[in-house]
Amino acid sequence: MNIWDIIITALIALMLIMAVRSIVKNKKAGKCTCGCEGCAAGCDKKNK
């Protein structure tokens, strides 16, 4: 592995960590994490 492989792998890992952190943070705040705009508790995706 050269330095560029390490940098790219680190960037991908960082993006993954940030995405998971965002999902967890939104879920704790009670926000919808199903991906639809203006989602409410009665979201079709949530009820499935």
PDB file of N, CA and C in Angstrom:
ATOM      1  N   MET A   1       0.836  -1.188   0.000  1.00  0.00           N
ATOM      2  CA  MET A   1       0.000   0.000   0.000  1.00  0.00           C
ATOM      3  C   MET A   1       0.875   1.243   0.000  1.00  0.00           C
ATOM      4  N   ASN A   2       0.546   2.130  -0.906  1.00  0.00           N
ATOM      5  CA  ASN A   2       1.285   3.384  -0.890  1.00  0.00           C
ATOM      6  C   ASN A   2       0.493   4.446  -0.126  1.00  0.00           C
ATOM      7  N   ILE A   3       1.024   5.634  -0.042  1.00  0.00           N
ATOM      8  CA  ILE A   3       0.432   6.702   0.757  1.00  0.00           C
ATOM      9  C   ILE A   3      -0.945   7.089   0.240  1.00  0.00           C
ATOM     10  N   TRP A   4      -1.148   7.078  -1.086  1.00  0.00           N
ATOM     11  CA  TRP A   4      -2.440   7.459  -1.657  1.00  0.00           C
ATOM     12  C   TRP A   4      -3.534   6.447  -1.295  1.00  0.00           C
ATOM     13  N   ASP A   5      -3.188   5.183  -1.252  1.00  0.00           N
ATOM     14  CA  ASP A   5      -4.159   4.166  -0.843  1.00  0.00           C
ATOM     15  C   ASP A   5      -4.602   4.387   0.602  1.00  0.00           C
ATOM     16  N   ILE A   6      -3.662   4.730   1.442  1.00  0.00           N
ATOM     17  CA  ILE A   6      -3.951   4.979   2.855  1.00  0.00           C
ATOM     18  C   ILE A   6      -4.830   6.220   3.002  1.00  0.00           C
ATOM     19  N   ILE A   7      -4.513   7.281   2.262  1.00  0.00           N
ATOM     20  CA  ILE A   7      -5.294   8.518   2.335  1.00  0.00           C
ATOM     21  C   ILE A   7      -6.723   8.283   1.847  1.00  0.00           C
ATOM     22  N   ILE A   8      -6.882   7.589   0.723  1.00  0.00           N
ATOM     23  CA  ILE A   8      -8.212   7.315   0.183  1.00  0.00           C
ATOM     24  C   ILE A   8      -9.012   6.440   1.142  1.00  0.00           C
ATOM     25  N   THR A   9      -8.380   5.426   1.703  1.00  0.00           N
ATOM     26  CA  THR A   9      -9.056   4.553   2.664  1.00  0.00           C
ATOM     27  C   THR A   9      -9.482   5.338   3.903  1.00  0.00           C
ATOM     28  N   ALA A  10      -8.628   6.224   4.378  1.00  0.00           N
ATOM     29  CA  ALA A  10      -8.957   7.044   5.541  1.00  0.00           C
ATOM     30  C   ALA A  10     -10.114   7.984   5.241  1.00  0.00           C
ATOM     31  N   LEU A  11     -10.151   8.566   4.048  1.00  0.00           N
ATOM     32  CA  LEU A  11     -11.247   9.461   3.675  1.00  0.00           C
ATOM     33  C   LEU A  11     -12.576   8.711   3.580  1.00  0.00           C
ATOM     34  N   ILE A  12     -12.551   7.520   3.009  1.00  0.00           N
ATOM     35  CA  ILE A  12     -13.766   6.711   2.911  1.00  0.00           C
ATOM     36  C   ILE A  12     -14.253   6.333   4.307  1.00  0.00           C
ATOM     37  N   ALA A  13     -13.338   5.937   5.177  1.00  0.00           N
ATOM     38  CA  ALA A  13     -13.706   5.586   6.548  1.00  0.00           C
ATOM     39  C   ALA A  13     -14.292   6.798   7.278  1.00  0.00           C
ATOM     40  N   LEU A  14     -13.707   7.968   7.077  1.00  0.00           N
ATOM     41  CA  LEU A  14     -14.197   9.192   7.707  1.00  0.00           C
ATOM     42  C   LEU A  14     -15.613   9.517   7.227  1.00  0.00           C
ATOM     43  N   MET A  15     -15.867   9.386   5.926  1.00  0.00           N
ATOM     44  CA  MET A  15     -17.200   9.651   5.398  1.00  0.00           C
ATOM     45  C   MET A  15     -18.222   8.668   5.958  1.00  0.00           C
ATOM     46  N   LEU A  16     -17.839   7.412   6.092  1.00  0.00           N
ATOM     47  CA  LEU A  16     -18.727   6.401   6.654  1.00  0.00           C
ATOM     48  C   LEU A  16     -19.054   6.711   8.113  1.00  0.00           C
ATOM     49  N   ILE A  17     -18.051   7.076   8.880  1.00  0.00           N
ATOM     50  CA  ILE A  17     -18.244   7.422  10.289  1.00  0.00           C
ATOM     51  C   ILE A  17     -19.161   8.640  10.415  1.00  0.00           C
ATOM     52  N   MET A  18     -18.962   9.651   9.569  1.00  0.00           N
ATOM     53  CA  MET A  18     -19.799  10.838   9.614  1.00  0.00           C
ATOM     54  C   MET A  18     -21.248  10.528   9.249  1.00  0.00           C
ATOM     55  N   ALA A  19     -21.459   9.640   8.279  1.00  0.00           N
ATOM     56  CA  ALA A  19     -22.814   9.266   7.877  1.00  0.00           C
ATOM     57  C   ALA A  19     -23.527   8.533   9.009  1.00  0.00           C
ATOM     58  N   VAL A  20     -22.856   7.592   9.624  1.00  0.00           N
ATOM     59  CA  VAL A  20     -23.453   6.840  10.733  1.00  0.00           C
ATOM     60  C   VAL A  20     -23.748   7.777  11.901  1.00  0.00           C
ATOM     61  N   ARG A  21     -22.838   8.671  12.185  1.00  0.00           N
ATOM     62  CA  ARG A  21     -23.017   9.636  13.274  1.00  0.00           C
ATOM     63  C   ARG A  21     -24.232  10.520  13.019  1.00  0.00           C
ATOM     64  N   SER A  22     -24.409  10.950  11.783  1.00  0.00           N
ATOM     65  CA  SER A  22     -25.550  11.778  11.422  1.00  0.00           C
ATOM     66  C   SER A  22     -26.860  11.023  11.596  1.00  0.00           C
ATOM     67  N   ILE A  23     -26.897   9.769  11.191  1.00  0.00           N
ATOM     68  CA  ILE A  23     -28.108   8.959  11.338  1.00  0.00           C
ATOM     69  C   ILE A  23     -28.456   8.784  12.810  1.00  0.00           C
ATOM     70  N   VAL A  24     -27.466   8.465  13.619  1.00  0.00           N
ATOM     71  CA  VAL A  24     -27.697   8.275  15.055  1.00  0.00           C
ATOM     72  C   VAL A  24     -28.164   9.578  15.695  1.00  0.00           C
ATOM     73  N   LYS A  25     -27.548  10.681  15.320  1.00  0.00           N
ATOM     74  CA  LYS A  25     -27.901  11.984  15.881  1.00  0.00           C
ATOM     75  C   LYS A  25     -29.348  12.347  15.516  1.00  0.00           C
ATOM     76  N   ASN A  26     -29.747  12.120  14.262  1.00  0.00           N
ATOM     77  CA  ASN A  26     -31.115  12.419  13.835  1.00  0.00           C
ATOM     78  C   ASN A  26     -32.124  11.521  14.533  1.00  0.00           C
ATOM     79  N   LYS A  27     -31.773  10.272  14.707  1.00  0.00           N
ATOM     80  CA  LYS A  27     -32.686   9.341  15.363  1.00  0.00           C
ATOM     81  C   LYS A  27     -32.906   9.739  16.821  1.00  0.00           C
ATOM     82  N   LYS A  28     -31.846  10.163  17.504  1.00  0.00           N
ATOM     83  CA  LYS A  28     -31.966  10.602  18.898  1.00  0.00           C
ATOM     84  C   LYS A  28     -32.813  11.864  19.003  1.00  0.00           C
ATOM     85  N   ALA A  29     -32.738  12.723  17.977  1.00  0.00           N
ATOM     86  CA  ALA A  29     -33.500  13.969  17.981  1.00  0.00           C
ATOM     87  C   ALA A  29     -34.953  13.738  17.578  1.00  0.00           C
ATOM     88  N   GLY A  30     -35.301  12.519  17.208  1.00  0.00           N
ATOM     89  CA  GLY A  30     -36.671  12.195  16.834  1.00  0.00           C
ATOM     90  C   GLY A  30     -36.994  12.497  15.392  1.00  0.00           C
ATOM     91  N   LYS A  31     -35.971  12.782  14.596  1.00  0.00           N
ATOM     92  CA  LYS A  31     -36.191  13.079  13.188  1.00  0.00           C
ATOM     93  C   LYS A  31     -36.357  11.779  12.408  1.00  0.00           C
ATOM     94  N   CYS A  32     -37.047  11.875  11.304  1.00  0.00           N
ATOM     95  CA  CYS A  32     -37.258  10.718  10.436  1.00  0.00           C
ATOM     96  C   CYS A  32     -35.948  10.399   9.712  1.00  0.00           C
ATOM     97  N   THR A  33     -35.594   9.144   9.635  1.00  0.00           N
ATOM     98  CA  THR A  33     -34.369   8.747   8.945  1.00  0.00           C
ATOM     99  C   THR A  33     -34.667   7.901   7.720  1.00  0.00           C
ATOM    100  N   CYS A  34     -35.932   7.970   7.234  1.00  0.00           N
ATOM    101  CA  CYS A  34     -36.294   7.134   6.091  1.00  0.00           C
ATOM    102  C   CYS A  34     -35.943   7.792   4.760  1.00  0.00           C
ATOM    103  N   GLY A  35     -35.655   9.084   4.740  1.00  0.00           N
ATOM    104  CA  GLY A  35     -35.190   9.741   3.537  1.00  0.00           C
ATOM    105  C   GLY A  35     -36.226  10.553   2.791  1.00  0.00           C
ATOM    106  N   CYS A  36     -37.470  10.583   3.242  1.00  0.00           N
ATOM    107  CA  CYS A  36     -38.466  11.381   2.528  1.00  0.00           C
ATOM    108  C   CYS A  36     -38.539  12.779   3.146  1.00  0.00           C
ATOM    109  N   GLU A  37     -38.941  13.748   2.323  1.00  0.00           N
ATOM    110  CA  GLU A  37     -38.999  15.133   2.785  1.00  0.00           C
ATOM    111  C   GLU A  37     -40.202  15.361   3.694  1.00  0.00           C
ATOM    112  N   GLY A  38     -40.032  16.155   4.705  1.00  0.00           N
ATOM    113  CA  GLY A  38     -41.126  16.522   5.588  1.00  0.00           C
ATOM    114  C   GLY A  38     -41.821  15.335   6.221  1.00  0.00           C
ATOM    115  N   CYS A  39     -41.064  14.347   6.542  1.00  0.00           N
ATOM    116  CA  CYS A  39     -41.616  13.092   7.045  1.00  0.00           C
ATOM    117  C   CYS A  39     -42.242  13.294   8.422  1.00  0.00           C
ATOM    118  N   ALA A  40     -43.360  12.640   8.628  1.00  0.00           N
ATOM    119  CA  ALA A  40     -44.025  12.655   9.926  1.00  0.00           C
ATOM    120  C   ALA A  40     -44.045  11.234  10.467  1.00  0.00           C
ATOM    121  N   ALA A  41     -44.597  11.050  11.616  1.00  0.00           N
ATOM    122  CA  ALA A  41     -44.619   9.723  12.225  1.00  0.00           C
ATOM    123  C   ALA A  41     -45.411   8.725  11.392  1.00  0.00           C
ATOM    124  N   GLY A  42     -46.315   9.202  10.543  1.00  0.00           N
ATOM    125  CA  GLY A  42     -47.140   8.318   9.731  1.00  0.00           C
ATOM    126  C   GLY A  42     -46.530   8.011   8.380  1.00  0.00           C
ATOM    127  N   CYS A  43     -45.243   8.172   8.233  1.00  0.00           N
ATOM    128  CA  CYS A  43     -44.564   7.939   6.951  1.00  0.00           C
ATOM    129  C   CYS A  43     -44.790   6.498   6.480  1.00  0.00           C
ATOM    130  N   ASP A  44     -45.082   6.339   5.184  1.00  0.00           N
ATOM    131  CA  ASP A  44     -45.287   5.014   4.620  1.00  0.00           C
ATOM    132  C   ASP A  44     -44.059   4.126   4.793  1.00  0.00           C
ATOM    133  N   LYS A  45     -42.891   4.709   4.629  1.00  0.00           N
ATOM    134  CA  LYS A  45     -41.662   3.918   4.746  1.00  0.00           C
ATOM    135  C   LYS A  45     -41.441   3.447   6.178  1.00  0.00           C
ATOM    136  N   LYS A  46     -41.838   4.271   7.162  1.00  0.00           N
ATOM    137  CA  LYS A  46     -41.669   3.887   8.559  1.00  0.00           C
ATOM    138  C   LYS A  46     -42.626   2.768   8.960  1.00  0.00           C
ATOM    139  N   ASN A  47     -43.808   2.783   8.362  1.00  0.00           N
ATOM    140  CA  ASN A  47     -44.827   1.801   8.742  1.00  0.00           C
ATOM    141  C   ASN A  47     -44.591   0.431   8.142  1.00  0.00           C
ATOM    142  N   LYS A  48     -43.686   0.312   7.198  1.00  0.00           N
ATOM    143  CA  LYS A  48     -43.430  -0.984   6.558  1.00  0.00           C
ATOM    144  C   LYS A  48     -42.583  -1.862   7.405  1.00  0.00           C
TER     145      LYS A  48
END
